[in-house]
C-alpha atoms as a PDB file:
ATOM      1  CA  UNK A   1      37.957 -79.927 -59.722  1.00  0.00           C
ATOM      2  CA  UNK A   2      36.458 -78.332 -62.855  1.00  0.00           C
ATOM      3  CA  UNK A   3      39.569 -77.187 -64.306  1.00  0.00           C
ATOM      4  CA  UNK A   4      41.009 -80.662 -63.902  1.00  0.00           C
ATOM      5  CA  UNK A   5      38.149 -82.166 -65.664  1.00  0.00           C
ATOM      6  CA  UNK A   6      38.434 -79.701 -68.684  1.00  0.00           C
ATOM      7  CA  UNK A   7      42.131 -80.341 -68.907  1.00  0.00           C
ATOM      8  CA  UNK A   8      41.418 -84.227 -68.735  1.00  0.00           C
ATOM      9  CA  UNK A   9      38.825 -83.798 -71.482  1.00  0.00           C
ATOM     10  CA  UNK A  10      41.203 -81.621 -73.811  1.00  0.00           C
ATOM     11  CA  UNK A  11      43.848 -84.042 -73.351  1.00  0.00           C
ATOM     12  CA  UNK A  12      41.501 -86.981 -74.299  1.00  0.00           C
ATOM     13  CA  UNK A  13      40.386 -85.008 -77.461  1.00  0.00           C
ATOM     14  CA  UNK A  14      44.082 -84.385 -78.411  1.00  0.00           C
ATOM     15  CA  UNK A  15      44.750 -88.314 -77.771  1.00  0.00           C
ATOM     16  CA  UNK A  16      41.924 -89.196 -80.011  1.00  0.00           C
ATOM     17  CA  UNK A  17      42.777 -86.687 -82.755  1.00  0.00           C
ATOM     18  CA  UNK A  18      46.563 -88.296 -82.525  1.00  0.00           C
ATOM     19  CA  UNK A  19      45.354 -91.646 -82.875  1.00  0.00           C
ATOM     20  CA  UNK A  20      43.002 -90.857 -85.730  1.00  0.00           C
ATOM     21  CA  UNK A  21      45.728 -88.895 -87.577  1.00  0.00           C
ATOM     22  CA  UNK A  22      47.985 -91.724 -87.175  1.00  0.00           C
ATOM     23  CA  UNK A  23      46.059 -93.808 -89.414  1.00  0.00           C
ATOM     24  CA  UNK A  24      45.504 -91.045 -92.161  1.00  0.00           C
ATOM     25  CA  UNK A  25      47.735 -92.968 -94.779  1.00  0.00           C
ATOM     26  CA  UNK A  26      45.660 -96.058 -94.255  1.00  0.00           C
ATOM     27  CA  UNK A  27      42.316 -94.293 -94.398  1.00  0.00           C
ATOM     28  CA  UNK A  28      43.266 -92.518 -97.564  1.00  0.00           C
ATOM     29  CA  UNK A  29      44.373 -95.904 -99.269  1.00  0.00           C
ATOM     30  CA  UNK A  30      41.132 -97.324 -98.198  1.00  0.00           C
ATOM     31  CA  UNK A  31      39.284 -94.399-100.031  1.00  0.00           C
ATOM     32  CA  UNK A  32      41.446 -94.749-103.084  1.00  0.00           C
ATOM     33  CA  UNK A  33      40.773 -98.471-103.230  1.00  0.00           C
ATOM     34  CA  UNK A  34      37.102 -97.949-103.150  1.00  0.00           C
ATOM     35  CA  UNK A  35      37.266 -95.108-105.581  1.00  0.00           C
ATOM     36  CA  UNK A  36      39.044 -97.287-108.029  1.00  0.00           C
ATOM     37  CA  UNK A  37      37.180-100.414-107.568  1.00  0.00           C
ATOM     38  CA  UNK A  38      34.919-101.734-110.135  1.00  0.00           C
ATOM     39  CA  UNK A  39      33.060-103.860-107.518  1.00  0.00           C
ATOM     40  CA  UNK A  40      32.049-100.742-105.295  1.00  0.00           C
ATOM     41  CA  UNK A  41      28.729 -98.915-106.081  1.00  0.00           C
ATOM     42  CA  UNK A  42      28.949 -95.746-107.983  1.00  0.00           C
ATOM     43  CA  UNK A  43      27.623 -94.042-104.916  1.00  0.00           C
ATOM     44  CA  UNK A  44      30.652 -95.376-102.916  1.00  0.00           C
ATOM     45  CA  UNK A  45      32.984 -94.563-105.575  1.00  0.00           C
ATOM     46  CA  UNK A  46      31.797 -90.962-105.810  1.00  0.00           C
ATOM     47  CA  UNK A  47      31.632 -90.664-101.937  1.00  0.00           C
ATOM     48  CA  UNK A  48      35.189 -91.834-101.671  1.00  0.00           C
ATOM     49  CA  UNK A  49      36.416 -89.529-104.364  1.00  0.00           C
ATOM     50  CA  UNK A  50      34.775 -86.509-102.607  1.00  0.00           C
ATOM     51  CA  UNK A  51      36.401 -87.322 -99.270  1.00  0.00           C
ATOM     52  CA  UNK A  52      39.707 -87.566-101.044  1.00  0.00           C
ATOM     53  CA  UNK A  53      39.056 -84.279-102.756  1.00  0.00           C
ATOM     54  CA  UNK A  54      37.751 -82.614 -99.593  1.00  0.00           C
ATOM     55  CA  UNK A  55      40.962 -83.749 -97.588  1.00  0.00           C
ATOM     56  CA  UNK A  56      43.430 -82.628-100.319  1.00  0.00           C
ATOM     57  CA  UNK A  57      41.802 -79.223-101.491  1.00  0.00           C
ATOM     58  CA  UNK A  58      39.264 -78.424 -98.841  1.00  0.00           C
ATOM     59  CA  UNK A  59      35.488 -78.286 -99.233  1.00  0.00           C
ATOM     60  CA  UNK A  60      34.086 -76.337-102.044  1.00  0.00           C
ATOM     61  CA  UNK A  61      32.530 -72.976-101.006  1.00  0.00           C
ATOM     62  CA  UNK A  62      28.831 -73.005-100.709  1.00  0.00           C
ATOM     63  CA  UNK A  63      27.288 -69.807-102.198  1.00  0.00           C
ATOM     64  CA  UNK A  64      24.447 -68.309-100.122  1.00  0.00           C
ATOM     65  CA  UNK A  65      21.167 -68.508-102.145  1.00  0.00           C
ATOM     66  CA  UNK A  66      18.194 -66.354-101.747  1.00  0.00           C
ATOM     67  CA  UNK A  67      15.599 -68.861-101.565  1.00  0.00           C
ATOM     68  CA  UNK A  68      11.841 -68.336-101.029  1.00  0.00           C
ATOM     69  CA  UNK A  69      12.430 -68.339 -97.203  1.00  0.00           C
ATOM     70  CA  UNK A  70      14.108 -64.924 -97.628  1.00  0.00           C
ATOM     71  CA  UNK A  71      17.372 -65.933 -95.787  1.00  0.00           C
ATOM     72  CA  UNK A  72      19.399 -63.467 -97.640  1.00  0.00           C
ATOM     73  CA  UNK A  73      16.916 -60.727 -96.821  1.00  0.00           C
ATOM     74  CA  UNK A  74      17.045 -61.760 -92.997  1.00  0.00           C
ATOM     75  CA  UNK A  75      21.005 -61.555 -93.246  1.00  0.00           C
ATOM     76  CA  UNK A  76      20.748 -58.020 -94.672  1.00  0.00           C
ATOM     77  CA  UNK A  77      18.170 -56.972 -92.048  1.00  0.00           C
ATOM     78  CA  UNK A  78      20.247 -58.260 -89.166  1.00  0.00           C
ATOM     79  CA  UNK A  79      23.298 -56.408 -90.592  1.00  0.00           C
ATOM     80  CA  UNK A  80      21.367 -53.268 -90.782  1.00  0.00           C
ATOM     81  CA  UNK A  81      19.801 -53.460 -87.359  1.00  0.00           C
ATOM     82  CA  UNK A  82      22.795 -55.024 -85.355  1.00  0.00           C
ATOM     83  CA  UNK A  83      26.089 -54.205 -87.228  1.00  0.00           C
ATOM     84  CA  UNK A  84      25.032 -50.811 -88.647  1.00  0.00           C
ATOM     85  CA  UNK A  85      22.329 -49.292 -86.436  1.00  0.00           C
ATOM     86  CA  UNK A  86      23.466 -45.762 -87.274  1.00  0.00           C
ATOM     87  CA  UNK A  87      22.124 -46.451 -90.682  1.00  0.00           C
ATOM     88  CA  UNK A  88      18.846 -47.527 -89.685  1.00  0.00           C
ATOM     89  CA  UNK A  89      16.011 -45.580 -91.256  1.00  0.00           C
ATOM     90  CA  UNK A  90      12.957 -45.654 -88.832  1.00  0.00           C
ATOM     91  CA  UNK A  91      10.784 -45.420 -91.863  1.00  0.00           C
ATOM     92  CA  UNK A  92      11.833 -48.725 -93.143  1.00  0.00           C
ATOM     93  CA  UNK A  93       9.041 -51.165 -92.627  1.00  0.00           C
ATOM     94  CA  UNK A  94      11.567 -54.129 -93.279  1.00  0.00           C
ATOM     95  CA  UNK A  95      13.791 -52.808 -90.568  1.00  0.00           C
ATOM     96  CA  UNK A  96      12.423 -54.579 -87.563  1.00  0.00           C
ATOM     97  CA  UNK A  97      10.303 -57.660 -88.112  1.00  0.00           C
END
């Protein structure tokens, strides 16, 4: 019963994707129309332009920044502890926090 439900859900998702993709040309044309429209707000025009670029070229890579929250240090700490435990120096006060 569970397998049938999963198969049905997968088939439904596949059908939804198929229907959505069948409207790709129209959706792109609408975005281009908004982007070119002098009546559209600047925010709408920029949003449409970004959506077009994202579909055509992919989203721009987002660099990891080391903000005040110390996210980059946390990533390095996780790597030292989990990925390379053999390199863990027990005297490192930042090793396990």
